[in-house]
Amino acid sequence: MEFTEAYKQTGPCCFSPNARYIAVAVDYRLMIRDTLSFKVVQLFSCLDKISYIEWALDSEYILCGLYKRPMIQAWSLTQPEWTCKIDEGPAGIAYARWSPDSRHILTTSELAGGR
């Protein structure tokens, strides 16, 4: 039996839906590795520590939840220059996920309060 070397991980990780990639959170960085060679194919920097990772169903896009800042950041694996940042401000973000078409991000906020 053979094992790969150990890799640092400080947050969530998940496999892409097509099982071609694994996304690993290391503090503020999102590392995308090839599942066969474990070589880094993309490295993205976030604005805060990564709390949540989710792949789009087509495995082309990935989002990170930065829940300490109520913010979402997303990237494209095929077009690394494309980025997205969603900042909900005071409303906050409780949860985010990709829509079934893999081109829209749905966010949910928990509004505190009452009268």
PDB file of N, CA and C in Angstrom:
ATOM      1  N   MET A   1       0.834  -1.166   0.000  1.00  0.00           N
ATOM      2  CA  MET A   1       0.000   0.000   0.000  1.00  0.00           C
ATOM      3  C   MET A   1       0.885   1.237   0.000  1.00  0.00           C
ATOM      4  N   GLU A   2       0.533   2.217  -0.834  1.00  0.00           N
ATOM      5  CA  GLU A   2       1.295   3.458  -0.908  1.00  0.00           C
ATOM      6  C   GLU A   2       0.465   4.614  -0.368  1.00  0.00           C
ATOM      7  N   PHE A   3       1.148   5.565   0.263  1.00  0.00           N
ATOM      8  CA  PHE A   3       0.492   6.739   0.805  1.00  0.00           C
ATOM      9  C   PHE A   3       1.140   7.987   0.239  1.00  0.00           C
ATOM     10  N   THR A   4       0.352   9.045   0.078  1.00  0.00           N
ATOM     11  CA  THR A   4       0.912  10.322  -0.338  1.00  0.00           C
ATOM     12  C   THR A   4       1.508  11.002   0.890  1.00  0.00           C
ATOM     13  N   GLU A   5       2.299  12.038   0.658  1.00  0.00           N
ATOM     14  CA  GLU A   5       2.819  12.798   1.788  1.00  0.00           C
ATOM     15  C   GLU A   5       1.671  13.566   2.446  1.00  0.00           C
ATOM     16  N   ALA A   6       1.864  13.963   3.701  1.00  0.00           N
ATOM     17  CA  ALA A   6       0.839  14.710   4.427  1.00  0.00           C
ATOM     18  C   ALA A   6       0.756  16.138   3.896  1.00  0.00           C
ATOM     19  N   TYR A   7      -0.451  16.669   3.797  1.00  0.00           N
ATOM     20  CA  TYR A   7      -0.682  18.032   3.347  1.00  0.00           C
ATOM     21  C   TYR A   7      -1.399  18.795   4.445  1.00  0.00           C
ATOM     22  N   LYS A   8      -1.047  20.070   4.597  1.00  0.00           N
ATOM     23  CA  LYS A   8      -1.649  20.912   5.614  1.00  0.00           C
ATOM     24  C   LYS A   8      -3.092  21.241   5.246  1.00  0.00           C
ATOM     25  N   GLN A   9      -3.943  21.236   6.273  1.00  0.00           N
ATOM     26  CA  GLN A   9      -5.342  21.592   6.110  1.00  0.00           C
ATOM     27  C   GLN A   9      -5.815  22.210   7.419  1.00  0.00           C
ATOM     28  N   THR A  10      -6.419  23.393   7.362  1.00  0.00           N
ATOM     29  CA  THR A  10      -6.901  24.048   8.578  1.00  0.00           C
ATOM     30  C   THR A  10      -8.404  24.292   8.543  1.00  0.00           C
ATOM     31  N   GLY A  11      -9.041  23.959   7.453  1.00  0.00           N
ATOM     32  CA  GLY A  11     -10.477  24.188   7.311  1.00  0.00           C
ATOM     33  C   GLY A  11     -11.108  23.041   6.544  1.00  0.00           C
ATOM     34  N   PRO A  12     -12.258  23.297   5.957  1.00  0.00           N
ATOM     35  CA  PRO A  12     -12.978  22.239   5.243  1.00  0.00           C
ATOM     36  C   PRO A  12     -12.268  21.791   3.961  1.00  0.00           C
ATOM     37  N   CYS A  13     -12.644  20.609   3.501  1.00  0.00           N
ATOM     38  CA  CYS A  13     -12.186  20.117   2.198  1.00  0.00           C
ATOM     39  C   CYS A  13     -13.328  19.331   1.577  1.00  0.00           C
ATOM     40  N   CYS A  14     -13.332  19.246   0.247  1.00  0.00           N
ATOM     41  CA  CYS A  14     -14.359  18.456  -0.422  1.00  0.00           C
ATOM     42  C   CYS A  14     -13.929  18.127  -1.851  1.00  0.00           C
ATOM     43  N   PHE A  15     -14.433  17.016  -2.337  1.00  0.00           N
ATOM     44  CA  PHE A  15     -14.170  16.580  -3.706  1.00  0.00           C
ATOM     45  C   PHE A  15     -15.144  17.260  -4.656  1.00  0.00           C
ATOM     46  N   SER A  16     -14.684  17.521  -5.869  1.00  0.00           N
ATOM     47  CA  SER A  16     -15.567  18.082  -6.890  1.00  0.00           C
ATOM     48  C   SER A  16     -16.579  17.007  -7.299  1.00  0.00           C
ATOM     49  N   PRO A  17     -17.751  17.402  -7.794  1.00  0.00           N
ATOM     50  CA  PRO A  17     -18.757  16.418  -8.207  1.00  0.00           C
ATOM     51  C   PRO A  17     -18.259  15.434  -9.268  1.00  0.00           C
ATOM     52  N   ASN A  18     -17.322  15.871 -10.128  1.00  0.00           N
ATOM     53  CA  ASN A  18     -16.792  14.945 -11.134  1.00  0.00           C
ATOM     54  C   ASN A  18     -15.614  14.130 -10.605  1.00  0.00           C
ATOM     55  N   ALA A  19     -15.263  14.311  -9.322  1.00  0.00           N
ATOM     56  CA  ALA A  19     -14.187  13.588  -8.634  1.00  0.00           C
ATOM     57  C   ALA A  19     -12.801  13.841  -9.227  1.00  0.00           C
ATOM     58  N   ARG A  20     -12.658  14.878 -10.014  1.00  0.00           N
ATOM     59  CA  ARG A  20     -11.365  15.190 -10.632  1.00  0.00           C
ATOM     60  C   ARG A  20     -10.483  16.036  -9.719  1.00  0.00           C
ATOM     61  N   TYR A  21     -11.103  16.802  -8.810  1.00  0.00           N
ATOM     62  CA  TYR A  21     -10.359  17.716  -7.948  1.00  0.00           C
ATOM     63  C   TYR A  21     -10.754  17.548  -6.485  1.00  0.00           C
ATOM     64  N   ILE A  22      -9.843  17.982  -5.620  1.00  0.00           N
ATOM     65  CA  ILE A  22     -10.158  18.118  -4.206  1.00  0.00           C
ATOM     66  C   ILE A  22      -9.801  19.546  -3.811  1.00  0.00           C
ATOM     67  N   ALA A  23     -10.720  20.194  -3.115  1.00  0.00           N
ATOM     68  CA  ALA A  23     -10.511  21.566  -2.637  1.00  0.00           C
ATOM     69  C   ALA A  23     -10.175  21.486  -1.152  1.00  0.00           C
ATOM     70  N   VAL A  24      -9.111  22.174  -0.764  1.00  0.00           N
ATOM     71  CA  VAL A  24      -8.644  22.136   0.619  1.00  0.00           C
ATOM     72  C   VAL A  24      -8.447  23.569   1.119  1.00  0.00           C
ATOM     73  N   ALA A  25      -9.006  23.870   2.281  1.00  0.00           N
ATOM     74  CA  ALA A  25      -8.836  25.188   2.885  1.00  0.00           C
ATOM     75  C   ALA A  25      -7.633  25.166   3.824  1.00  0.00           C
ATOM     76  N   VAL A  26      -6.744  26.122   3.614  1.00  0.00           N
ATOM     77  CA  VAL A  26      -5.591  26.317   4.494  1.00  0.00           C
ATOM     78  C   VAL A  26      -5.627  27.790   4.906  1.00  0.00           C
ATOM     79  N   ASP A  27      -6.253  28.066   6.049  1.00  0.00           N
ATOM     80  CA  ASP A  27      -6.468  29.421   6.556  1.00  0.00           C
ATOM     81  C   ASP A  27      -7.203  30.274   5.519  1.00  0.00           C
ATOM     82  N   TYR A  28      -6.484  31.214   4.882  1.00  0.00           N
ATOM     83  CA  TYR A  28      -7.084  32.142   3.923  1.00  0.00           C
ATOM     84  C   TYR A  28      -6.946  31.658   2.480  1.00  0.00           C
ATOM     85  N   ARG A  29      -6.325  30.520   2.279  1.00  0.00           N
ATOM     86  CA  ARG A  29      -6.086  30.038   0.915  1.00  0.00           C
ATOM     87  C   ARG A  29      -6.959  28.834   0.597  1.00  0.00           C
ATOM     88  N   LEU A  30      -7.362  28.781  -0.664  1.00  0.00           N
ATOM     89  CA  LEU A  30      -8.100  27.632  -1.175  1.00  0.00           C
ATOM     90  C   LEU A  30      -7.220  26.951  -2.201  1.00  0.00           C
ATOM     91  N   MET A  31      -6.831  25.727  -1.909  1.00  0.00           N
ATOM     92  CA  MET A  31      -5.981  24.954  -2.805  1.00  0.00           C
ATOM     93  C   MET A  31      -6.821  23.927  -3.549  1.00  0.00           C
ATOM     94  N   ILE A  32      -6.695  23.910  -4.865  1.00  0.00           N
ATOM     95  CA  ILE A  32      -7.378  22.922  -5.686  1.00  0.00           C
ATOM     96  C   ILE A  32      -6.312  21.960  -6.190  1.00  0.00           C
ATOM     97  N   ARG A  33      -6.465  20.694  -5.842  1.00  0.00           N
ATOM     98  CA  ARG A  33      -5.501  19.663  -6.240  1.00  0.00           C
ATOM     99  C   ARG A  33      -6.157  18.658  -7.182  1.00  0.00           C
ATOM    100  N   ASP A  34      -5.369  18.139  -8.091  1.00  0.00           N
ATOM    101  CA  ASP A  34      -5.778  17.046  -8.957  1.00  0.00           C
ATOM    102  C   ASP A  34      -5.855  15.777  -8.101  1.00  0.00           C
ATOM    103  N   THR A  35      -6.920  15.012  -8.206  1.00  0.00           N
ATOM    104  CA  THR A  35      -7.068  13.839  -7.341  1.00  0.00           C
ATOM    105  C   THR A  35      -6.151  12.678  -7.723  1.00  0.00           C
ATOM    106  N   LEU A  36      -5.652  12.648  -8.944  1.00  0.00           N
ATOM    107  CA  LEU A  36      -4.757  11.557  -9.330  1.00  0.00           C
ATOM    108  C   LEU A  36      -3.310  11.825  -8.936  1.00  0.00           C
ATOM    109  N   SER A  37      -2.843  13.038  -9.166  1.00  0.00           N
ATOM    110  CA  SER A  37      -1.439  13.358  -8.893  1.00  0.00           C
ATOM    111  C   SER A  37      -1.244  14.144  -7.591  1.00  0.00           C
ATOM    112  N   PHE A  38      -2.301  14.712  -7.060  1.00  0.00           N
ATOM    113  CA  PHE A  38      -2.280  15.600  -5.894  1.00  0.00           C
ATOM    114  C   PHE A  38      -1.469  16.867  -6.124  1.00  0.00           C
ATOM    115  N   LYS A  39      -1.193  17.194  -7.379  1.00  0.00           N
ATOM    116  CA  LYS A  39      -0.517  18.452  -7.697  1.00  0.00           C
ATOM    117  C   LYS A  39      -1.522  19.595  -7.600  1.00  0.00           C
ATOM    118  N   VAL A  40      -1.055  20.771  -7.173  1.00  0.00           N
ATOM    119  CA  VAL A  40      -1.899  21.954  -7.079  1.00  0.00           C
ATOM    120  C   VAL A  40      -2.175  22.460  -8.499  1.00  0.00           C
ATOM    121  N   VAL A  41      -3.462  22.566  -8.850  1.00  0.00           N
ATOM    122  CA  VAL A  41      -3.837  23.082 -10.170  1.00  0.00           C
ATOM    123  C   VAL A  41      -4.299  24.532 -10.094  1.00  0.00           C
ATOM    124  N   GLN A  42      -4.782  24.971  -8.937  1.00  0.00           N
ATOM    125  CA  GLN A  42      -5.174  26.366  -8.721  1.00  0.00           C
ATOM    126  C   GLN A  42      -4.974  26.702  -7.250  1.00  0.00           C
ATOM    127  N   LEU A  43      -4.646  27.966  -6.996  1.00  0.00           N
ATOM    128  CA  LEU A  43      -4.510  28.460  -5.630  1.00  0.00           C
ATOM    129  C   LEU A  43      -5.190  29.823  -5.588  1.00  0.00           C
ATOM    130  N   PHE A  44      -6.191  29.949  -4.722  1.00  0.00           N
ATOM    131  CA  PHE A  44      -6.945  31.192  -4.606  1.00  0.00           C
ATOM    132  C   PHE A  44      -6.769  31.749  -3.199  1.00  0.00           C
ATOM    133  N   SER A  45      -6.702  33.070  -3.083  1.00  0.00           N
ATOM    134  CA  SER A  45      -6.576  33.734  -1.783  1.00  0.00           C
ATOM    135  C   SER A  45      -7.899  34.382  -1.408  1.00  0.00           C
ATOM    136  N   CYS A  46      -8.364  34.096  -0.215  1.00  0.00           N
ATOM    137  CA  CYS A  46      -9.598  34.673   0.292  1.00  0.00           C
ATOM    138  C   CYS A  46      -9.293  35.875   1.176  1.00  0.00           C
ATOM    139  N   LEU A  47     -10.319  36.647   1.482  1.00  0.00           N
ATOM    140  CA  LEU A  47     -10.168  37.828   2.312  1.00  0.00           C
ATOM    141  C   LEU A  47     -10.227  37.524   3.809  1.00  0.00           C
ATOM    142  N   ASP A  48     -10.590  36.299   4.174  1.00  0.00           N
ATOM    143  CA  ASP A  48     -10.646  35.890   5.571  1.00  0.00           C
ATOM    144  C   ASP A  48     -10.568  34.365   5.629  1.00  0.00           C
ATOM    145  N   LYS A  49     -10.580  33.828   6.833  1.00  0.00           N
ATOM    146  CA  LYS A  49     -10.492  32.372   7.012  1.00  0.00           C
ATOM    147  C   LYS A  49     -11.725  31.694   6.408  1.00  0.00           C
ATOM    148  N   ILE A  50     -11.502  30.593   5.725  1.00  0.00           N
ATOM    149  CA  ILE A  50     -12.558  29.865   5.021  1.00  0.00           C
ATOM    150  C   ILE A  50     -13.345  29.005   6.005  1.00  0.00           C
ATOM    151  N   SER A  51     -14.674  29.202   6.016  1.00  0.00           N
ATOM    152  CA  SER A  51     -15.561  28.435   6.895  1.00  0.00           C
ATOM    153  C   SER A  51     -16.289  27.327   6.151  1.00  0.00           C
ATOM    154  N   TYR A  52     -16.469  27.497   4.842  1.00  0.00           N
ATOM    155  CA  TYR A  52     -17.318  26.590   4.074  1.00  0.00           C
ATOM    156  C   TYR A  52     -16.843  26.566   2.627  1.00  0.00           C
ATOM    157  N   ILE A  53     -16.920  25.400   1.992  1.00  0.00           N
ATOM    158  CA  ILE A  53     -16.564  25.241   0.572  1.00  0.00           C
ATOM    159  C   ILE A  53     -17.687  24.471  -0.108  1.00  0.00           C
ATOM    160  N   GLU A  54     -18.036  24.900  -1.327  1.00  0.00           N
ATOM    161  CA  GLU A  54     -19.000  24.121  -2.111  1.00  0.00           C
ATOM    162  C   GLU A  54     -18.680  24.246  -3.592  1.00  0.00           C
ATOM    163  N   TRP A  55     -18.676  23.111  -4.284  1.00  0.00           N
ATOM    164  CA  TRP A  55     -18.477  23.066  -5.730  1.00  0.00           C
ATOM    165  C   TRP A  55     -19.809  23.268  -6.429  1.00  0.00           C
ATOM    166  N   ALA A  56     -19.782  23.891  -7.597  1.00  0.00           N
ATOM    167  CA  ALA A  56     -20.943  23.912  -8.481  1.00  0.00           C
ATOM    168  C   ALA A  56     -21.106  22.495  -9.039  1.00  0.00           C
ATOM    169  N   LEU A  57     -22.312  22.142  -9.418  1.00  0.00           N
ATOM    170  CA  LEU A  57     -22.568  20.776  -9.885  1.00  0.00           C
ATOM    171  C   LEU A  57     -21.756  20.385 -11.110  1.00  0.00           C
ATOM    172  N   ASP A  58     -21.354  21.367 -11.940  1.00  0.00           N
ATOM    173  CA  ASP A  58     -20.565  21.053 -13.127  1.00  0.00           C
ATOM    174  C   ASP A  58     -19.061  21.029 -12.853  1.00  0.00           C
ATOM    175  N   SER A  59     -18.656  21.231 -11.602  1.00  0.00           N
ATOM    176  CA  SER A  59     -17.240  21.206 -11.169  1.00  0.00           C
ATOM    177  C   SER A  59     -16.390  22.304 -11.791  1.00  0.00           C
ATOM    178  N   GLU A  60     -17.015  23.312 -12.393  1.00  0.00           N
ATOM    179  CA  GLU A  60     -16.260  24.402 -13.010  1.00  0.00           C
ATOM    180  C   GLU A  60     -16.061  25.576 -12.059  1.00  0.00           C
ATOM    181  N   TYR A  61     -16.985  25.761 -11.116  1.00  0.00           N
ATOM    182  CA  TYR A  61     -16.920  26.869 -10.176  1.00  0.00           C
ATOM    183  C   TYR A  61     -16.887  26.350  -8.741  1.00  0.00           C
ATOM    184  N   ILE A  62     -16.313  27.167  -7.862  1.00  0.00           N
ATOM    185  CA  ILE A  62     -16.258  26.813  -6.446  1.00  0.00           C
ATOM    186  C   ILE A  62     -16.480  28.082  -5.632  1.00  0.00           C
ATOM    187  N   LEU A  63     -17.163  27.929  -4.505  1.00  0.00           N
ATOM    188  CA  LEU A  63     -17.370  29.076  -3.630  1.00  0.00           C
ATOM    189  C   LEU A  63     -16.837  28.779  -2.241  1.00  0.00           C
ATOM    190  N   CYS A  64     -16.462  29.856  -1.548  1.00  0.00           N
ATOM    191  CA  CYS A  64     -16.003  29.774  -0.161  1.00  0.00           C
ATOM    192  C   CYS A  64     -16.867  30.695   0.684  1.00  0.00           C
ATOM    193  N   GLY A  65     -17.330  30.189   1.798  1.00  0.00           N
ATOM    194  CA  GLY A  65     -18.054  31.011   2.755  1.00  0.00           C
ATOM    195  C   GLY A  65     -17.076  31.557   3.778  1.00  0.00           C
ATOM    196  N   LEU A  66     -17.050  32.861   3.915  1.00  0.00           N
ATOM    197  CA  LEU A  66     -16.215  33.532   4.912  1.00  0.00           C
ATOM    198  C   LEU A  66     -17.180  34.120   5.937  1.00  0.00           C
ATOM    199  N   TYR A  67     -17.676  33.285   6.814  1.00  0.00           N
ATOM    200  CA  TYR A  67     -18.798  33.673   7.650  1.00  0.00           C
ATOM    201  C   TYR A  67     -18.422  34.644   8.774  1.00  0.00           C
ATOM    202  N   LYS A  68     -17.144  34.796   9.085  1.00  0.00           N
ATOM    203  CA  LYS A  68     -16.741  35.808  10.059  1.00  0.00           C
ATOM    204  C   LYS A  68     -16.936  37.212   9.501  1.00  0.00           C
ATOM    205  N   ARG A  69     -16.872  37.353   8.182  1.00  0.00           N
ATOM    206  CA  ARG A  69     -17.038  38.646   7.511  1.00  0.00           C
ATOM    207  C   ARG A  69     -18.380  38.793   6.829  1.00  0.00           C
ATOM    208  N   PRO A  70     -19.337  37.994   6.974  1.00  0.00           N
ATOM    209  CA  PRO A  70     -20.515  37.701   6.169  1.00  0.00           C
ATOM    210  C   PRO A  70     -20.293  37.915   4.672  1.00  0.00           C
ATOM    211  N   MET A  71     -19.454  37.069   4.081  1.00  0.00           N
ATOM    212  CA  MET A  71     -19.058  37.246   2.687  1.00  0.00           C
ATOM    213  C   MET A  71     -18.882  35.876   2.016  1.00  0.00           C
ATOM    214  N   ILE A  72     -19.118  35.873   0.713  1.00  0.00           N
ATOM    215  CA  ILE A  72     -18.881  34.701  -0.129  1.00  0.00           C
ATOM    216  C   ILE A  72     -17.908  35.116  -1.215  1.00  0.00           C
ATOM    217  N   GLN A  73     -16.942  34.249  -1.526  1.00  0.00           N
ATOM    218  CA  GLN A  73     -16.078  34.446  -2.686  1.00  0.00           C
ATOM    219  C   GLN A  73     -16.181  33.211  -3.561  1.00  0.00           C
ATOM    220  N   ALA A  74     -16.143  33.413  -4.870  1.00  0.00           N
ATOM    221  CA  ALA A  74     -16.256  32.295  -5.818  1.00  0.00           C
ATOM    222  C   ALA A  74     -15.256  32.475  -6.946  1.00  0.00           C
ATOM    223  N   TRP A  75     -14.853  31.347  -7.533  1.00  0.00           N
ATOM    224  CA  TRP A  75     -13.881  31.343  -8.628  1.00  0.00           C
ATOM    225  C   TRP A  75     -14.260  30.315  -9.674  1.00  0.00           C
ATOM    226  N   SER A  76     -13.681  30.497 -10.852  1.00  0.00           N
ATOM    227  CA  SER A  76     -13.825  29.548 -11.953  1.00  0.00           C
ATOM    228  C   SER A  76     -12.504  28.810 -12.124  1.00  0.00           C
ATOM    229  N   LEU A  77     -12.557  27.500 -12.273  1.00  0.00           N
ATOM    230  CA  LEU A  77     -11.333  26.740 -12.527  1.00  0.00           C
ATOM    231  C   LEU A  77     -10.860  26.893 -13.959  1.00  0.00           C
ATOM    232  N   THR A  78     -11.786  27.077 -14.902  1.00  0.00           N
ATOM    233  CA  THR A  78     -11.393  27.177 -16.301  1.00  0.00           C
ATOM    234  C   THR A  78     -11.022  28.596 -16.706  1.00  0.00           C
ATOM    235  N   GLN A  79     -11.485  29.602 -15.953  1.00  0.00           N
ATOM    236  CA  GLN A  79     -11.159  31.002 -16.214  1.00  0.00           C
ATOM    237  C   GLN A  79     -10.683  31.632 -14.902  1.00  0.00           C
ATOM    238  N   PRO A  80      -9.426  31.410 -14.512  1.00  0.00           N
ATOM    239  CA  PRO A  80      -8.936  31.870 -13.204  1.00  0.00           C
ATOM    240  C   PRO A  80      -9.022  33.379 -12.986  1.00  0.00           C
ATOM    241  N   GLU A  81      -9.145  34.159 -14.064  1.00  0.00           N
ATOM    242  CA  GLU A  81      -9.262  35.609 -13.898  1.00  0.00           C
ATOM    243  C   GLU A  81     -10.670  36.020 -13.448  1.00  0.00           C
ATOM    244  N   TRP A  82     -11.666  35.127 -13.586  1.00  0.00           N
ATOM    245  CA  TRP A  82     -13.027  35.415 -13.159  1.00  0.00           C
ATOM    246  C   TRP A  82     -13.143  35.210 -11.658  1.00  0.00           C
ATOM    247  N   THR A  83     -13.672  36.201 -10.970  1.00  0.00           N
ATOM    248  CA  THR A  83     -13.907  36.088  -9.534  1.00  0.00           C
ATOM    249  C   THR A  83     -15.257  36.694  -9.196  1.00  0.00           C
ATOM    250  N   CYS A  84     -15.758  36.343  -8.035  1.00  0.00           N
ATOM    251  CA  CYS A  84     -17.024  36.865  -7.561  1.00  0.00           C
ATOM    252  C   CYS A  84     -16.915  37.076  -6.051  1.00  0.00           C
ATOM    253  N   LYS A  85     -17.466  38.192  -5.577  1.00  0.00           N
ATOM    254  CA  LYS A  85     -17.514  38.454  -4.137  1.00  0.00           C
ATOM    255  C   LYS A  85     -18.918  38.937  -3.803  1.00  0.00           C
ATOM    256  N   ILE A  86     -19.557  38.299  -2.839  1.00  0.00           N
ATOM    257  CA  ILE A  86     -20.883  38.702  -2.376  1.00  0.00           C
ATOM    258  C   ILE A  86     -20.735  39.091  -0.915  1.00  0.00           C
ATOM    259  N   ASP A  87     -21.060  40.341  -0.613  1.00  0.00           N
ATOM    260  CA  ASP A  87     -20.961  40.863   0.753  1.00  0.00           C
ATOM    261  C   ASP A  87     -22.353  41.328   1.159  1.00  0.00           C
ATOM    262  N   GLU A  88     -22.950  40.657   2.105  1.00  0.00           N
ATOM    263  CA  GLU A  88     -24.308  40.991   2.511  1.00  0.00           C
ATOM    264  C   GLU A  88     -24.370  42.074   3.574  1.00  0.00           C
ATOM    265  N   GLY A  89     -23.236  42.573   4.022  1.00  0.00           N
ATOM    266  CA  GLY A  89     -23.212  43.665   4.994  1.00  0.00           C
ATOM    267  C   GLY A  89     -23.877  43.287   6.304  1.00  0.00           C
ATOM    268  N   PRO A  90     -24.673  44.191   6.888  1.00  0.00           N
ATOM    269  CA  PRO A  90     -25.267  43.949   8.201  1.00  0.00           C
ATOM    270  C   PRO A  90     -26.242  42.767   8.244  1.00  0.00           C
ATOM    271  N   ALA A  91     -26.854  42.416   7.109  1.00  0.00           N
ATOM    272  CA  ALA A  91     -27.791  41.291   7.089  1.00  0.00           C
ATOM    273  C   ALA A  91     -27.077  39.970   7.344  1.00  0.00           C
ATOM    274  N   GLY A  92     -25.811  39.887   6.973  1.00  0.00           N
ATOM    275  CA  GLY A  92     -25.038  38.668   7.183  1.00  0.00           C
ATOM    276  C   GLY A  92     -25.396  37.560   6.212  1.00  0.00           C
ATOM    277  N   ILE A  93     -24.628  36.505   6.248  1.00  0.00           N
ATOM    278  CA  ILE A  93     -24.893  35.315   5.433  1.00  0.00           C
ATOM    279  C   ILE A  93     -24.849  34.111   6.357  1.00  0.00           C
ATOM    280  N   ALA A  94     -25.941  33.399   6.443  1.00  0.00           N
ATOM    281  CA  ALA A  94     -25.996  32.196   7.263  1.00  0.00           C
ATOM    282  C   ALA A  94     -25.613  30.964   6.442  1.00  0.00           C
ATOM    283  N   TYR A  95     -25.884  31.023   5.132  1.00  0.00           N
ATOM    284  CA  TYR A  95     -25.646  29.855   4.287  1.00  0.00           C
ATOM    285  C   TYR A  95     -25.613  30.293   2.835  1.00  0.00           C
ATOM    286  N   ALA A  96     -24.803  29.611   2.042  1.00  0.00           N
ATOM    287  CA  ALA A  96     -24.749  29.865   0.598  1.00  0.00           C
ATOM    288  C   ALA A  96     -24.584  28.542  -0.127  1.00  0.00           C
ATOM    289  N   ARG A  97     -25.179  28.475  -1.310  1.00  0.00           N
ATOM    290  CA  ARG A  97     -25.021  27.272  -2.144  1.00  0.00           C
ATOM    291  C   ARG A  97     -25.237  27.615  -3.601  1.00  0.00           C
ATOM    292  N   TRP A  98     -24.754  26.742  -4.470  1.00  0.00           N
ATOM    293  CA  TRP A  98     -24.927  26.919  -5.907  1.00  0.00           C
ATOM    294  C   TRP A  98     -26.345  26.515  -6.306  1.00  0.00           C
ATOM    295  N   SER A  99     -26.895  27.213  -7.269  1.00  0.00           N
ATOM    296  CA  SER A  99     -28.185  26.819  -7.830  1.00  0.00           C
ATOM    297  C   SER A  99     -27.959  25.600  -8.732  1.00  0.00           C
ATOM    298  N   PRO A 100     -29.008  24.881  -9.081  1.00  0.00           N
ATOM    299  CA  PRO A 100     -28.844  23.683  -9.919  1.00  0.00           C
ATOM    300  C   PRO A 100     -28.187  23.933 -11.275  1.00  0.00           C
ATOM    301  N   ASP A 101     -28.270  25.162 -11.817  1.00  0.00           N
ATOM    302  CA  ASP A 101     -27.654  25.428 -13.113  1.00  0.00           C
ATOM    303  C   ASP A 101     -26.165  25.750 -13.014  1.00  0.00           C
ATOM    304  N   SER A 102     -25.606  25.775 -11.807  1.00  0.00           N
ATOM    305  CA  SER A 102     -24.167  26.025 -11.564  1.00  0.00           C
ATOM    306  C   SER A 102     -23.718  27.421 -11.982  1.00  0.00           C
ATOM    307  N   ARG A 103     -24.632  28.346 -12.167  1.00  0.00           N
ATOM    308  CA  ARG A 103     -24.261  29.699 -12.589  1.00  0.00           C
ATOM    309  C   ARG A 103     -24.781  30.793 -11.658  1.00  0.00           C
ATOM    310  N   HIS A 104     -25.499  30.396 -10.627  1.00  0.00           N
ATOM    311  CA  HIS A 104     -26.042  31.359  -9.672  1.00  0.00           C
ATOM    312  C   HIS A 104     -25.751  30.882  -8.252  1.00  0.00           C
ATOM    313  N   ILE A 105     -25.581  31.841  -7.348  1.00  0.00           N
ATOM    314  CA  ILE A 105     -25.343  31.523  -5.944  1.00  0.00           C
ATOM    315  C   ILE A 105     -26.542  32.005  -5.143  1.00  0.00           C
ATOM    316  N   LEU A 106     -27.074  31.118  -4.330  1.00  0.00           N
ATOM    317  CA  LEU A 106     -28.208  31.446  -3.474  1.00  0.00           C
ATOM    318  C   LEU A 106     -27.680  31.662  -2.057  1.00  0.00           C
ATOM    319  N   THR A 107     -28.046  32.771  -1.438  1.00  0.00           N
ATOM    320  CA  THR A 107     -27.600  33.038  -0.068  1.00  0.00           C
ATOM    321  C   THR A 107     -28.812  33.154   0.852  1.00  0.00           C
ATOM    322  N   THR A 108     -28.598  32.808   2.108  1.00  0.00           N
ATOM    323  CA  THR A 108     -29.632  32.907   3.138  1.00  0.00           C
ATOM    324  C   THR A 108     -29.059  33.706   4.287  1.00  0.00           C
ATOM    325  N   SER A 109     -29.883  34.614   4.811  1.00  0.00           N
ATOM    326  CA  SER A 109     -29.480  35.424   5.955  1.00  0.00           C
ATOM    327  C   SER A 109     -30.391  35.103   7.128  1.00  0.00           C
ATOM    328  N   GLU A 110     -29.846  35.249   8.328  1.00  0.00           N
ATOM    329  CA  GLU A 110     -30.642  35.120   9.534  1.00  0.00           C
ATOM    330  C   GLU A 110     -30.817  36.519  10.105  1.00  0.00           C
ATOM    331  N   LEU A 111     -31.990  37.046   9.933  1.00  0.00           N
ATOM    332  CA  LEU A 111     -32.254  38.391  10.417  1.00  0.00           C
ATOM    333  C   LEU A 111     -32.706  38.311  11.865  1.00  0.00           C
ATOM    334  N   ALA A 112     -31.924  38.888  12.746  1.00  0.00           N
ATOM    335  CA  ALA A 112     -32.262  38.905  14.157  1.00  0.00           C
ATOM    336  C   ALA A 112     -33.183  40.083  14.425  1.00  0.00           C
ATOM    337  N   GLY A 113     -33.913  39.981  15.433  1.00  0.00           N
ATOM    338  CA  GLY A 113     -34.704  41.142  15.793  1.00  0.00           C
ATOM    339  C   GLY A 113     -36.091  40.779  16.219  1.00  0.00           C
ATOM    340  N   GLY A 114     -36.967  41.596  15.885  1.00  0.00           N
ATOM    341  CA  GLY A 114     -38.332  41.496  16.341  1.00  0.00           C
ATOM    342  C   GLY A 114     -38.695  42.835  16.944  1.00  0.00           C
ATOM    343  N   ARG A 115     -39.839  42.956  17.442  1.00  0.00           N
ATOM    344  CA  ARG A 115     -40.262  44.240  18.012  1.00  0.00           C
ATOM    345  C   ARG A 115     -40.432  44.164  19.472  1.00  0.00           C
TER     346      ARG A 115
END
